[in-house]
């Protein structure tokens, strides 16, 4: 084993070693980390794009000849459009199973995420040395949440590689016309994936001013940025809506009108997440390192500052927003942390330092496999997969009468059909469901019922059997360990056991 490790170390450069390790670990996430992390990384990306391939507009996002009331909903269609072509290609070559298609999508995202490792190392090396770059690269490769995030369709994380490439190209020793234009193009691509990355681009522009970059170069950066934005947003929206930037303007108006509608939280929420996700006490050192490198690495300090300041001020606060800047904090934080260490190593107590290092490493090694192998939203995905594999289901009903009004949206991508799902809640009761059931054509009538939550399950089943006497039990689908853990930490994470019954 020692000879194998030595041979691997001698044969490959440090960056190649990191990329190999990163790919190896991410392949576990590709294979085992099924499902989706949040609502947005599935329903706003996967459901919409696959429905377009199937000739259906799941979210009613596109103009319609039969519905003149449709308007832009505020979503960048570029990233979604890429998935449209991915699914169209898979359909062309005969791959139709939803789980197989998503494994292919996870693989593509895992490969894309290797750019985070590569440019974390290269940017750190620009401002420090190979030793520090290795540590930053290891953090980007094996931090406990990185492999899991690397295979998700979360725009807040997918937009990171273009940002890191732009930072690398804009280093003071690399500034020339070609790199300026390329950096602007990469930042334009990041914007087209995630609109709010514009605050990072603005921070980079401010940093270039502090770096005394010429007006000509800043103008070229802005020009190439806008050129990509015009092509990916202006032109695309004009073709679809006959109005350039229609989706972006709708996005701005929607967020201003609904600033307090989603996840409003305390002002220090994002700082709590930074300190928690990066594992204390290392996280405190990394953030302190980020602060002290404000002069050394303005291309990272000011973009992170702008992005963090806006999201701290804006009422709508959601955990996933912080993912965009974590790799940037890892880079500058690692550099600054080593600067602090070199300056104060004589006063650091060896025993305390060793304990802290062991604590962080052990905790990370515990969390890393747990999250990398986790099946997020398993109960919702496996319920649809079960019905998909049965091949005898034309429609289904969701019984979630523990809830007052609404029920969780089922991920129909895994069901393989696009339909309006009949749902039972406290206000929309079983008698109402029976009425609508009888109104539907026989071919569209639900043939399965999915009961969500175990609470009062037998009473609810008996109640529904009065209306549908042929109801028979099929199977139970439990949430995954990570789903149960998240529910334990915060009951707002609505992770439920699903009970599937067949209607005869």
Protein backbone atom coordinates (compact mmCIF):
# COMPACT_ATOMS: atom_id res chain seq x y z
CA UNK A 1 0.00 0.00 0.00
CA UNK A 2 2.83 2.36 0.87
CA UNK A 3 4.54 1.66 -2.48
CA UNK A 4 1.26 2.27 -4.31
CA UNK A 5 0.81 5.60 -2.54
CA UNK A 6 4.42 6.61 -3.24
CA UNK A 7 4.08 5.66 -6.90
CA UNK A 8 0.87 7.67 -7.21
CA UNK A 9 2.52 10.67 -5.57
CA UNK A 10 5.63 10.50 -7.75
CA UNK A 11 3.81 9.85 -11.03
CA UNK A 12 1.28 12.68 -10.88
CA UNK A 13 1.52 16.39 -10.11
CA UNK A 14 -0.30 17.69 -6.99
CA UNK A 15 -3.11 19.11 -9.14
CA UNK A 16 -3.53 15.83 -11.03
CA UNK A 17 -3.67 13.98 -7.72
CA UNK A 18 -6.41 16.29 -6.47
CA UNK A 19 -8.43 15.88 -9.68
CA UNK A 20 -8.11 12.10 -9.51
CA UNK A 21 -9.20 11.99 -5.86
CA UNK A 22 -12.01 14.45 -6.55
CA UNK A 23 -13.33 12.41 -9.47
CA UNK A 24 -13.10 9.16 -7.50
CA UNK A 25 -15.09 10.52 -4.55
CA UNK A 26 -17.64 12.27 -6.76
CA UNK A 27 -18.34 9.01 -8.58
CA UNK A 28 -19.77 7.68 -5.32
CA UNK A 29 -22.12 10.66 -5.28
CA UNK A 30 -23.00 10.06 -8.95
CA UNK A 31 -24.00 6.48 -8.20
CA UNK A 32 -25.52 6.71 -4.73
CA UNK A 33 -26.60 10.31 -4.11
CA UNK A 34 -29.92 10.10 -5.91
CA UNK A 35 -32.84 12.45 -5.54
CA UNK A 36 -32.60 16.21 -5.16
CA UNK A 37 -31.50 18.59 -2.45
CA UNK A 38 -34.01 21.44 -2.64
CA UNK A 39 -37.19 22.28 -4.50
CA UNK A 40 -35.38 24.48 -7.01
CA UNK A 41 -32.68 22.07 -8.17
CA UNK A 42 -35.33 19.62 -9.35
CA UNK A 43 -38.66 21.29 -10.07
CA UNK A 44 -37.20 24.39 -11.72
CA UNK A 45 -34.61 22.51 -13.80
CA UNK A 46 -35.36 18.83 -14.34
CA UNK A 47 -39.17 18.82 -14.42
CA UNK A 48 -39.42 21.76 -16.79
CA UNK A 49 -36.76 20.63 -19.28
CA UNK A 50 -37.97 17.01 -19.48
CA UNK A 51 -41.56 18.14 -19.91
CA UNK A 52 -40.52 20.24 -22.92
CA UNK A 53 -38.88 17.17 -24.44
CA UNK A 54 -42.16 15.30 -23.94
CA UNK A 55 -44.15 18.07 -25.62
CA UNK A 56 -45.61 19.38 -22.36
CA UNK A 57 -44.98 22.60 -20.46
CA UNK A 58 -45.03 21.43 -16.85
CA UNK A 59 -44.60 24.85 -15.21
CA UNK A 60 -46.46 26.87 -17.89
CA UNK A 61 -43.30 28.88 -18.48
CA UNK A 62 -43.47 29.21 -22.27
CA UNK A 63 -45.85 31.23 -24.45
CA UNK A 64 -48.94 29.36 -25.60
CA UNK A 65 -51.32 29.89 -28.51
CA UNK A 66 -54.18 28.72 -26.30
CA UNK A 67 -53.29 30.75 -23.20
CA UNK A 68 -52.64 34.45 -23.78
CA UNK A 69 -52.22 35.15 -20.06
CA UNK A 70 -48.80 33.52 -19.79
CA UNK A 71 -45.94 35.84 -18.90
CA UNK A 72 -42.22 35.36 -18.11
CA UNK A 73 -41.76 33.77 -14.68
CA UNK A 74 -38.25 35.08 -13.96
CA UNK A 75 -36.07 32.07 -14.74
CA UNK A 76 -32.91 31.96 -16.81
CA UNK A 77 -33.82 29.57 -19.61
CA UNK A 78 -30.20 28.99 -20.67
CA UNK A 79 -29.24 26.43 -18.01
CA UNK A 80 -32.67 24.79 -18.27
CA UNK A 81 -32.25 24.73 -22.03
CA UNK A 82 -29.00 22.78 -21.69
CA UNK A 83 -30.91 20.07 -19.83
CA UNK A 84 -33.57 20.12 -22.52
CA UNK A 85 -30.94 19.15 -25.07
CA UNK A 86 -29.38 16.59 -22.72
CA UNK A 87 -32.73 14.84 -22.25
CA UNK A 88 -33.52 15.15 -25.95
CA UNK A 89 -30.22 13.41 -26.76
CA UNK A 90 -30.87 10.65 -24.21
CA UNK A 91 -34.31 10.09 -25.71
CA UNK A 92 -32.75 9.90 -29.17
CA UNK A 93 -30.39 7.09 -28.13
CA UNK A 94 -33.14 5.20 -26.34
CA UNK A 95 -32.46 6.02 -22.67
CA UNK A 96 -35.87 6.63 -21.09
CA UNK A 97 -35.60 5.38 -17.49
CA UNK A 98 -35.69 8.48 -15.22
CA UNK A 99 -33.13 7.15 -12.73
CA UNK A 100 -30.69 6.32 -15.55
CA UNK A 101 -31.11 9.78 -17.04
CA UNK A 102 -30.42 11.43 -13.70
CA UNK A 103 -27.28 9.36 -13.18
CA UNK A 104 -26.03 10.72 -16.51
CA UNK A 105 -26.90 14.27 -15.41
CA UNK A 106 -25.08 13.78 -12.09
CA UNK A 107 -22.02 12.51 -13.96
CA UNK A 108 -21.93 15.62 -16.16
CA UNK A 109 -22.18 17.87 -13.11
CA UNK A 110 -19.47 15.90 -11.30
CA UNK A 111 -17.12 16.46 -14.26
CA UNK A 112 -18.06 20.16 -14.37
CA UNK A 113 -17.32 20.47 -10.63
CA UNK A 114 -13.73 19.29 -11.17
CA UNK A 115 -13.11 22.81 -12.49
CA UNK A 116 -13.70 24.04 -8.92
CA UNK A 117 -10.85 21.85 -7.70
CA UNK A 118 -8.58 22.84 -10.58
CA UNK A 119 -9.03 26.59 -10.26
CA UNK A 120 -9.11 26.58 -6.46
CA UNK A 121 -5.60 25.14 -6.67
CA UNK A 122 -4.44 27.43 -9.50
CA UNK A 123 -5.80 30.65 -7.98
CA UNK A 124 -4.34 29.79 -4.56
CA UNK A 125 -0.97 29.06 -6.17
CA UNK A 126 -1.05 32.48 -7.87
CA UNK A 127 -1.27 34.26 -4.52
CA UNK A 128 0.72 31.85 -2.35
CA UNK A 129 2.68 28.66 -3.04
CA UNK A 130 2.17 25.02 -3.96
CA UNK A 131 1.92 23.88 -0.34
CA UNK A 132 -0.92 26.26 0.48
CA UNK A 133 -2.54 25.51 -2.90
CA UNK A 134 -2.53 21.82 -2.01
CA UNK A 135 -4.43 22.47 1.23
CA UNK A 136 -6.98 24.71 -0.52
CA UNK A 137 -7.37 22.03 -3.20
CA UNK A 138 -7.91 19.33 -0.57
CA UNK A 139 -10.61 21.46 1.05
CA UNK A 140 -12.34 21.95 -2.32
CA UNK A 141 -12.03 18.24 -3.01
CA UNK A 142 -12.99 16.62 0.28
CA UNK A 143 -14.94 19.10 2.36
CA UNK A 144 -17.90 17.05 3.56
CA UNK A 145 -20.53 18.88 1.48
CA UNK A 146 -18.54 19.27 -1.77
CA UNK A 147 -19.18 15.89 -3.49
CA UNK A 148 -22.90 16.08 -2.63
CA UNK A 149 -23.19 19.62 -3.97
CA UNK A 150 -21.15 18.73 -7.06
CA UNK A 151 -23.86 16.44 -8.46
CA UNK A 152 -26.84 18.68 -7.72
CA UNK A 153 -28.61 20.88 -10.28
CA UNK A 154 -28.32 23.88 -7.96
CA UNK A 155 -27.60 27.04 -9.95
CA UNK A 156 -25.99 28.66 -6.89
CA UNK A 157 -23.24 26.04 -7.10
CA UNK A 158 -23.17 25.34 -10.84
CA UNK A 159 -22.19 28.97 -11.50
CA UNK A 160 -19.00 28.69 -9.38
CA UNK A 161 -16.52 27.31 -12.00
CA UNK A 162 -16.93 30.27 -14.40
CA UNK A 163 -16.37 32.69 -11.51
CA UNK A 164 -13.15 30.94 -10.41
CA UNK A 165 -11.86 30.86 -14.00
CA UNK A 166 -12.49 34.61 -14.32
CA UNK A 167 -10.64 35.30 -11.04
CA UNK A 168 -7.72 33.22 -12.31
CA UNK A 169 -7.58 35.08 -15.64
CA UNK A 170 -7.69 38.51 -13.97
CA UNK A 171 -4.60 38.04 -11.81
CA UNK A 172 -2.36 41.09 -12.20
CA UNK A 173 0.36 39.06 -13.94
CA UNK A 174 -2.12 37.71 -16.48
CA UNK A 175 -4.04 40.83 -17.44
CA UNK A 176 -4.04 41.29 -21.20
CA UNK A 177 -6.72 41.89 -23.78
CA UNK A 178 -7.36 38.20 -24.42
CA UNK A 179 -7.72 37.28 -20.73
CA UNK A 180 -9.88 40.31 -20.01
CA UNK A 181 -12.30 39.32 -22.78
CA UNK A 182 -12.32 35.68 -21.69
CA UNK A 183 -12.92 36.63 -18.06
CA UNK A 184 -15.88 38.80 -19.04
CA UNK A 185 -17.32 35.93 -21.06
CA UNK A 186 -17.00 33.53 -18.13
CA UNK A 187 -18.68 36.03 -15.79
CA UNK A 188 -21.45 36.45 -18.37
CA UNK A 189 -21.92 32.69 -18.38
CA UNK A 190 -22.09 32.66 -14.56
CA UNK A 191 -24.78 35.36 -14.72
CA UNK A 192 -26.76 33.32 -17.26
CA UNK A 193 -26.72 30.37 -14.87
CA UNK A 194 -27.46 32.39 -11.73
CA UNK A 195 -28.67 36.00 -12.02
CA UNK A 196 -27.51 36.99 -8.54
CA UNK A 197 -23.90 36.27 -9.45
CA UNK A 198 -24.00 39.82 -10.84
CA UNK A 199 -22.98 40.98 -7.35
CA UNK A 200 -19.81 38.94 -7.65
CA UNK A 201 -19.13 40.46 -11.07
CA UNK A 202 -19.69 43.93 -9.61
CA UNK A 203 -17.25 43.14 -6.79
CA UNK A 204 -14.66 42.02 -9.35
CA UNK A 205 -15.13 45.29 -11.24
CA UNK A 206 -14.56 47.26 -8.02
CA UNK A 207 -11.47 45.16 -7.25
CA UNK A 208 -10.03 45.95 -10.69
CA UNK A 209 -10.46 49.66 -9.97
CA UNK A 210 -8.56 49.26 -6.70
CA UNK A 211 -5.89 47.35 -8.63
CA UNK A 212 -5.54 50.43 -10.89
CA UNK A 213 -6.58 48.51 -13.96
CA UNK A 214 -6.94 50.74 -17.00
CA UNK A 215 -10.34 52.06 -18.03
CA UNK A 216 -9.86 50.33 -21.38
CA UNK A 217 -9.50 46.89 -19.76
CA UNK A 218 -12.48 47.44 -17.46
CA UNK A 219 -14.48 48.52 -20.50
CA UNK A 220 -13.43 45.37 -22.39
CA UNK A 221 -14.45 43.22 -19.42
CA UNK A 222 -17.88 44.88 -19.30
CA UNK A 223 -18.25 44.55 -23.08
CA UNK A 224 -17.51 40.80 -23.17
CA UNK A 225 -19.73 40.25 -20.11
CA UNK A 226 -22.63 42.05 -21.78
CA UNK A 227 -22.03 40.28 -25.08
CA UNK A 228 -22.59 36.88 -23.47
CA UNK A 229 -25.57 38.17 -21.50
CA UNK A 230 -27.15 39.59 -24.65
CA UNK A 231 -26.71 36.26 -26.46
CA UNK A 232 -27.86 34.00 -23.63
CA UNK A 233 -30.56 36.23 -22.15
CA UNK A 234 -31.50 39.03 -24.51
CA UNK A 235 -31.59 36.98 -27.70
CA UNK A 236 -33.12 33.86 -26.12
CA UNK A 237 -35.88 35.88 -24.44
CA UNK A 238 -36.53 37.81 -27.63
CA UNK A 239 -36.97 34.58 -29.59
CA UNK A 240 -39.34 33.17 -26.97
CA UNK A 241 -41.16 36.27 -25.68
CA UNK A 242 -40.44 38.81 -28.46
CA UNK A 243 -38.91 40.95 -25.74
CA UNK A 244 -35.21 40.97 -24.71
CA UNK A 245 -34.38 40.30 -21.06
CA UNK A 246 -38.01 39.50 -20.29
CA UNK A 247 -37.09 36.74 -17.81
CA UNK A 248 -34.48 38.82 -16.00
CA UNK A 249 -36.82 41.79 -15.56
CA UNK A 250 -39.55 39.46 -14.31
CA UNK A 251 -37.02 37.95 -11.88
CA UNK A 252 -36.16 41.39 -10.48
CA UNK A 253 -39.81 42.43 -10.10
CA UNK A 254 -40.80 39.13 -8.50
CA UNK A 255 -38.04 39.26 -5.89
CA UNK A 256 -38.81 42.86 -5.01
CA UNK A 257 -42.50 42.08 -4.64
CA UNK A 258 -41.87 38.91 -2.62
CA UNK A 259 -38.84 39.91 -0.58
CA UNK A 260 -40.41 38.65 2.65
CA UNK A 261 -42.20 35.62 1.21
CA UNK A 262 -39.44 33.02 1.42
CA UNK A 263 -37.15 32.02 4.25
CA UNK A 264 -36.80 35.45 5.86
CA UNK A 265 -34.39 34.95 8.75
CA UNK A 266 -32.07 36.81 11.10
CA UNK A 267 -29.30 39.00 9.72
CA UNK A 268 -26.45 36.69 10.81
CA UNK A 269 -27.90 33.58 9.14
CA UNK A 270 -25.24 33.40 6.40
CA UNK A 271 -22.40 33.88 8.89
CA UNK A 272 -23.82 31.01 10.94
CA UNK A 273 -23.84 28.84 7.83
CA UNK A 274 -20.26 29.75 6.90
CA UNK A 275 -18.98 28.96 10.38
CA UNK A 276 -21.02 25.75 10.57
CA UNK A 277 -20.46 24.29 7.10
CA UNK A 278 -16.71 24.90 7.13
CA UNK A 279 -16.48 23.19 10.56
CA UNK A 280 -15.28 25.17 13.58
CA UNK A 281 -12.66 26.00 14.69
CA UNK A 282 -11.25 25.76 11.14
CA UNK A 283 -14.14 27.85 9.83
CA UNK A 284 -13.22 30.76 12.12
CA UNK A 285 -9.64 30.64 10.89
CA UNK A 286 -10.74 30.53 7.25
CA UNK A 287 -13.05 33.52 7.67
CA UNK A 288 -10.36 35.44 9.53
CA UNK A 289 -7.99 34.53 6.69
CA UNK A 290 -10.49 35.87 4.18
CA UNK A 291 -10.66 39.18 6.09
CA UNK A 292 -6.91 39.75 6.35
CA UNK A 293 -6.31 39.08 2.63
CA UNK A 294 -8.47 42.04 1.55
CA UNK A 295 -5.43 43.86 0.16
CA UNK A 296 -3.62 40.77 -1.10
CA UNK A 297 -6.58 39.25 -2.99
CA UNK A 298 -9.07 42.03 -3.81
CA UNK A 299 -10.49 39.90 -6.66
CA UNK A 300 -11.92 37.58 -4.01
CA UNK A 301 -12.46 39.87 -1.03
CA UNK A 302 -14.71 42.42 -2.76
CA UNK A 303 -16.89 39.96 -4.72
CA UNK A 304 -17.55 37.96 -1.53
CA UNK A 305 -18.14 41.17 0.42
CA UNK A 306 -20.65 42.51 -2.12
CA UNK A 307 -22.48 39.20 -2.42
CA UNK A 308 -22.61 38.64 1.34
CA UNK A 309 -23.63 42.23 2.08
CA UNK A 310 -26.55 42.13 -0.36
CA UNK A 311 -27.87 38.78 0.84
CA UNK A 312 -27.48 39.80 4.47
CA UNK A 313 -29.47 42.99 3.81
CA UNK A 314 -32.15 41.44 1.59
CA UNK A 315 -34.99 39.84 3.62
CA UNK A 316 -35.28 36.68 1.48
CA UNK A 317 -32.66 34.39 3.03
CA UNK A 318 -32.23 30.75 2.01
CA UNK A 319 -29.42 28.39 2.95
CA UNK A 320 -28.48 27.45 -0.62
CA UNK A 321 -27.60 31.07 -1.52
CA UNK A 322 -24.36 30.83 0.47
CA UNK A 323 -22.99 28.00 -1.69
CA UNK A 324 -21.80 30.42 -4.39
CA UNK A 325 -19.11 32.05 -2.24
CA UNK A 326 -17.88 29.12 -0.13
CA UNK A 327 -15.15 28.09 -2.63
CA UNK A 328 -13.96 31.72 -2.77
CA UNK A 329 -13.76 31.86 1.02
CA UNK A 330 -11.87 28.56 1.01
CA UNK A 331 -9.23 30.05 -1.34
CA UNK A 332 -8.62 33.36 0.38
CA UNK A 333 -9.25 31.86 3.81
CA UNK A 334 -6.61 29.16 3.36
CA UNK A 335 -4.05 31.71 2.17
CA UNK A 336 -4.85 34.05 5.06
CA UNK A 337 -4.91 31.21 7.57
CA UNK A 338 -1.36 30.21 6.68
CA UNK A 339 -0.31 33.86 6.90
CA UNK A 340 -1.74 33.98 10.43
CA UNK A 341 -0.04 30.70 11.31
CA UNK A 342 3.39 31.81 10.08
CA UNK A 343 3.09 35.06 12.01
CA UNK A 344 1.89 33.55 15.30
CA UNK A 345 3.15 29.95 15.29
CA UNK A 346 5.51 30.62 18.17
CA UNK A 347 2.60 31.50 20.46
CA UNK A 348 0.34 28.62 19.38
CA UNK A 349 0.06 25.80 21.91
CA UNK A 350 1.03 22.56 20.09
CA UNK A 351 -1.42 20.40 22.04
CA UNK A 352 -4.40 22.65 21.37
CA UNK A 353 -3.46 23.01 17.70
CA UNK A 354 -3.18 19.21 17.29
CA UNK A 355 -6.53 18.64 19.02
CA UNK A 356 -8.30 21.16 16.78
CA UNK A 357 -6.77 19.63 13.65
CA UNK A 358 -7.77 16.10 14.66
CA UNK A 359 -11.29 17.24 15.60
CA UNK A 360 -11.89 18.89 12.20
CA UNK A 361 -10.43 15.99 10.21
CA UNK A 362 -12.35 13.30 12.11
CA UNK A 363 -15.67 15.17 11.97
CA UNK A 364 -15.21 15.82 8.26
CA UNK A 365 -14.39 12.14 7.62
CA UNK A 366 -17.58 11.16 9.44
CA UNK A 367 -19.81 13.62 7.58
CA UNK A 368 -18.22 13.13 4.14
CA UNK A 369 -19.40 9.56 3.42
CA UNK A 370 -22.77 10.15 5.11
CA UNK A 371 -23.66 13.03 2.79
CA UNK A 372 -21.85 11.71 -0.29
CA UNK A 373 -23.85 8.47 -0.18
CA UNK A 374 -27.13 10.07 0.90
CA UNK A 375 -30.35 9.72 -1.08
CA UNK A 376 -32.03 13.08 -0.60
CA UNK A 377 -35.85 13.28 -0.80
CA UNK A 378 -35.89 9.50 -1.13
CA UNK A 379 -39.53 9.05 -0.12
CA UNK A 380 -40.77 11.36 -2.86
CA UNK A 381 -38.50 10.06 -5.60
CA UNK A 382 -38.86 6.35 -4.78
CA UNK A 383 -42.65 6.68 -4.63
CA UNK A 384 -42.72 7.91 -8.21
CA UNK A 385 -40.09 5.35 -9.25
CA UNK A 386 -42.22 2.57 -7.77
CA UNK A 387 -45.27 3.65 -9.75
CA UNK A 388 -43.14 4.10 -12.89
CA UNK A 389 -41.83 0.55 -12.64
CA UNK A 390 -45.30 -0.92 -12.03
CA UNK A 391 -46.30 -0.07 -15.63
CA UNK A 392 -50.01 -0.20 -14.74
CA UNK A 393 -50.54 3.35 -13.47
CA UNK A 394 -52.26 6.03 -15.52
CA UNK A 395 -52.69 8.47 -12.63
CA UNK A 396 -52.49 8.60 -8.85
CA UNK A 397 -53.92 10.47 -5.88
CA UNK A 398 -52.05 11.95 -2.91
CA UNK A 399 -53.69 11.72 0.51
CA UNK A 400 -52.05 14.25 2.83
CA UNK A 401 -55.00 15.14 5.04
CA UNK A 402 -52.75 15.99 7.99
CA UNK A 403 -52.07 19.20 6.09
CA UNK A 404 -54.47 22.09 6.05
CA UNK A 405 -54.42 23.05 2.38
CA UNK A 406 -51.60 21.89 0.15
CA UNK A 407 -49.59 18.73 -0.39
CA UNK A 408 -45.99 18.28 -1.49
CA UNK A 409 -45.52 18.39 -5.24
CA UNK A 410 -44.71 14.88 -6.49
CA UNK A 411 -41.63 14.76 -8.76
CA UNK A 412 -43.43 13.62 -11.92
CA UNK A 413 -40.15 13.32 -13.82
CA UNK A 414 -39.65 9.98 -12.04
CA UNK A 415 -43.26 8.96 -12.78
CA UNK A 416 -42.70 9.39 -16.51
CA UNK A 417 -46.04 11.12 -17.10
CA UNK A 418 -47.30 14.69 -16.85
CA UNK A 419 -50.68 15.10 -15.22
CA UNK A 420 -52.66 17.10 -12.71
CA UNK A 421 -52.42 15.20 -9.44
CA UNK A 422 -55.55 14.92 -7.33
CA UNK A 423 -54.73 15.63 -3.69
CA UNK A 424 -56.62 15.28 -0.42
CA UNK A 425 -56.01 17.70 2.45
CA UNK A 426 -58.06 18.82 5.45
CA UNK A 427 -59.96 21.35 3.37
CA UNK A 428 -60.14 19.24 0.17
CA UNK A 429 -61.55 16.09 1.75
CA UNK A 430 -62.23 12.55 0.54
CA UNK A 431 -65.78 13.38 -0.57
CA UNK A 432 -64.45 16.15 -2.80
CA UNK A 433 -61.84 13.76 -4.20
CA UNK A 434 -64.54 11.17 -4.98
CA UNK A 435 -66.53 13.83 -6.84
CA UNK A 436 -63.59 14.80 -9.05
CA UNK A 437 -62.61 11.16 -9.48
CA UNK A 438 -66.00 10.33 -10.94
CA UNK A 439 -65.88 13.35 -13.26
CA UNK A 440 -62.64 12.23 -14.90
CA UNK A 441 -62.44 9.94 -17.90
CA UNK A 442 -61.77 6.32 -17.02
CA UNK A 443 -58.30 6.44 -18.65
CA UNK A 444 -57.31 9.36 -16.40
CA UNK A 445 -58.73 8.12 -13.12
CA UNK A 446 -56.19 7.51 -10.32
CA UNK A 447 -55.33 3.86 -9.85
CA UNK A 448 -53.02 4.35 -6.88
CA UNK A 449 -53.22 6.41 -3.69
CA UNK A 450 -50.09 7.70 -1.95
CA UNK A 451 -50.65 8.41 1.76
CA UNK A 452 -48.09 10.87 3.12
CA UNK A 453 -47.03 10.79 6.80
CA UNK A 454 -47.61 7.97 9.28
CA UNK A 455 -49.75 10.07 11.62
CA UNK A 456 -53.31 8.70 11.88
CA UNK A 457 -52.57 6.45 8.89
CA UNK A 458 -55.05 3.68 9.69
CA UNK A 459 -57.90 6.11 10.34
CA UNK A 460 -57.19 7.90 7.06
CA UNK A 461 -57.01 4.63 5.11
CA UNK A 462 -60.31 3.43 6.61
CA UNK A 463 -61.92 6.76 5.77
CA UNK A 464 -60.86 6.56 2.14
CA UNK A 465 -61.93 2.91 1.88
CA UNK A 466 -65.51 4.03 2.49
CA UNK A 467 -65.35 5.92 -0.82
CA UNK A 468 -63.05 3.46 -2.62
CA UNK A 469 -63.76 -0.04 -1.19
CA UNK A 470 -61.14 -1.81 -3.33
CA UNK A 471 -58.19 -0.06 -1.70
CA UNK A 472 -55.34 -2.51 -1.02
CA UNK A 473 -51.91 -1.98 0.54
CA UNK A 474 -48.86 -2.16 -1.77
CA UNK A 475 -45.71 -0.91 -0.02
CA UNK A 476 -44.16 1.61 2.38
CA UNK A 477 -41.35 3.95 1.40
CA UNK A 478 -39.27 5.49 4.17
CA UNK A 479 -37.28 8.73 4.01
CA UNK A 480 -33.52 8.34 3.86
CA UNK A 481 -31.25 8.82 6.87
CA UNK A 482 -30.33 12.34 5.72
CA UNK A 483 -34.02 13.23 5.28
CA UNK A 484 -34.84 12.00 8.78
CA UNK A 485 -31.85 13.87 10.21
CA UNK A 486 -32.88 17.13 8.54
CA UNK A 487 -36.41 16.72 9.87
CA UNK A 488 -35.02 16.13 13.37
CA UNK A 489 -32.90 19.28 13.10
CA UNK A 490 -35.73 21.35 11.65
CA UNK A 491 -39.34 20.07 11.38
CA UNK A 492 -39.90 22.53 8.53
CA UNK A 493 -38.04 19.99 6.36
CA UNK A 494 -41.18 18.07 5.45
CA UNK A 495 -39.76 14.54 5.09
CA UNK A 496 -42.53 11.97 5.34
CA UNK A 497 -43.05 8.25 5.11
CA UNK A 498 -45.11 7.29 2.05
CA UNK A 499 -47.69 4.46 2.01
CA UNK A 500 -48.79 3.28 -1.42
CA UNK A 501 -52.20 1.68 -1.93
CA UNK A 502 -53.72 0.33 -5.12
CA UNK A 503 -57.28 1.18 -6.18
CA UNK A 504 -59.22 -1.66 -7.77
